Amino acid sequence: MAPELWLSAIRSELVRPEFTTKNGIIELPRTPGLGVELNDDVVRRLSPATAARA
């Protein structure tokens, strides 16, 4: 993904593989489901419940 489009931890860390663009369009993944995996550590770090405990 072009970093200048979405500078954020969510864009860069939350899912793998990162979405890619071609001619300004996000290509659809070719794997089952959404085609990405969530990074559970980032989900915990960014969740409102975790932030409330800090």
C-alpha atoms as a PDB file:
ATOM      1  CA  MET A   1       0.000   0.000   0.000  1.00  0.00           C
ATOM      2  CA  ALA A   2       1.264   3.447  -0.710  1.00  0.00           C
ATOM      3  CA  PRO A   3       2.153   4.693   2.786  1.00  0.00           C
ATOM      4  CA  GLU A   4       1.133   8.233   1.938  1.00  0.00           C
ATOM      5  CA  LEU A   5      -2.490   7.072   1.691  1.00  0.00           C
ATOM      6  CA  TRP A   6      -2.938   5.787   5.244  1.00  0.00           C
ATOM      7  CA  LEU A   7      -0.207   6.544   7.750  1.00  0.00           C
ATOM      8  CA  SER A   8      -1.284   4.595  10.816  1.00  0.00           C
ATOM      9  CA  ALA A   9      -0.459   1.594  12.973  1.00  0.00           C
ATOM     10  CA  ILE A  10      -3.755   0.084  11.905  1.00  0.00           C
ATOM     11  CA  ARG A  11      -2.778   0.157   8.243  1.00  0.00           C
ATOM     12  CA  SER A  12       0.795  -0.963   8.710  1.00  0.00           C
ATOM     13  CA  GLU A  13       0.534  -3.458  11.583  1.00  0.00           C
ATOM     14  CA  LEU A  14      -3.002  -4.787  12.010  1.00  0.00           C
ATOM     15  CA  VAL A  15      -3.309  -7.091   9.009  1.00  0.00           C
ATOM     16  CA  ARG A  16      -0.941  -9.254   6.986  1.00  0.00           C
ATOM     17  CA  PRO A  17      -0.381  -9.241   4.150  1.00  0.00           C
ATOM     18  CA  GLU A  18      -0.863  -5.525   3.751  1.00  0.00           C
ATOM     19  CA  PHE A  19      -3.316  -4.503   1.030  1.00  0.00           C
ATOM     20  CA  THR A  20      -1.687  -3.533  -2.250  1.00  0.00           C
ATOM     21  CA  THR A  21      -2.857  -1.143  -4.896  1.00  0.00           C
ATOM     22  CA  LYS A  22      -2.610  -1.298  -8.653  1.00  0.00           C
ATOM     23  CA  ASN A  23      -3.534   1.751 -10.710  1.00  0.00           C
ATOM     24  CA  GLY A  24      -5.119   3.308  -7.604  1.00  0.00           C
ATOM     25  CA  ILE A  25      -7.339   0.294  -6.841  1.00  0.00           C
ATOM     26  CA  ILE A  26      -7.000  -2.135  -3.922  1.00  0.00           C
ATOM     27  CA  GLU A  27      -6.672  -5.581  -5.440  1.00  0.00           C
ATOM     28  CA  LEU A  28      -8.924  -8.255  -3.990  1.00  0.00           C
ATOM     29  CA  PRO A  29      -7.082 -11.001  -2.101  1.00  0.00           C
ATOM     30  CA  ARG A  30      -7.009 -14.414  -3.740  1.00  0.00           C
ATOM     31  CA  THR A  31      -7.176 -16.359  -0.483  1.00  0.00           C
ATOM     32  CA  PRO A  32     -10.291 -17.510   1.396  1.00  0.00           C
ATOM     33  CA  GLY A  33     -12.259 -15.067   3.521  1.00  0.00           C
ATOM     34  CA  LEU A  34     -10.973 -11.520   3.628  1.00  0.00           C
ATOM     35  CA  GLY A  35      -7.559 -12.743   2.509  1.00  0.00           C
ATOM     36  CA  VAL A  36      -5.715 -11.248   5.475  1.00  0.00           C
ATOM     37  CA  GLU A  37      -4.847 -12.314   9.001  1.00  0.00           C
ATOM     38  CA  LEU A  38      -5.239 -10.076  12.036  1.00  0.00           C
ATOM     39  CA  ASN A  39      -2.212  -9.494  14.228  1.00  0.00           C
ATOM     40  CA  ASP A  40      -3.643 -10.445  17.634  1.00  0.00           C
ATOM     41  CA  ASP A  41      -0.972  -8.492  19.533  1.00  0.00           C
ATOM     42  CA  VAL A  42      -1.946  -5.298  17.726  1.00  0.00           C
ATOM     43  CA  VAL A  43      -5.648  -5.995  18.298  1.00  0.00           C
ATOM     44  CA  ARG A  44      -4.989  -6.256  22.039  1.00  0.00           C
ATOM     45  CA  ARG A  45      -2.758  -3.172  22.054  1.00  0.00           C
ATOM     46  CA  LEU A  46      -5.283  -1.005  20.196  1.00  0.00           C
ATOM     47  CA  SER A  47      -8.478  -2.290  21.819  1.00  0.00           C
ATOM     48  CA  PRO A  48     -10.466   0.171  23.960  1.00  0.00           C
ATOM     49  CA  ALA A  49     -10.541  -2.336  26.818  1.00  0.00           C
ATOM     50  CA  THR A  50      -6.729  -2.400  26.981  1.00  0.00           C
ATOM     51  CA  ALA A  51      -6.494   1.380  26.788  1.00  0.00           C
ATOM     52  CA  ALA A  52      -8.938   1.740  29.707  1.00  0.00           C
ATOM     53  CA  ARG A  53      -6.711  -0.422  31.918  1.00  0.00           C
ATOM     54  CA  ALA A  54      -3.553   1.588  31.178  1.00  0.00           C
END
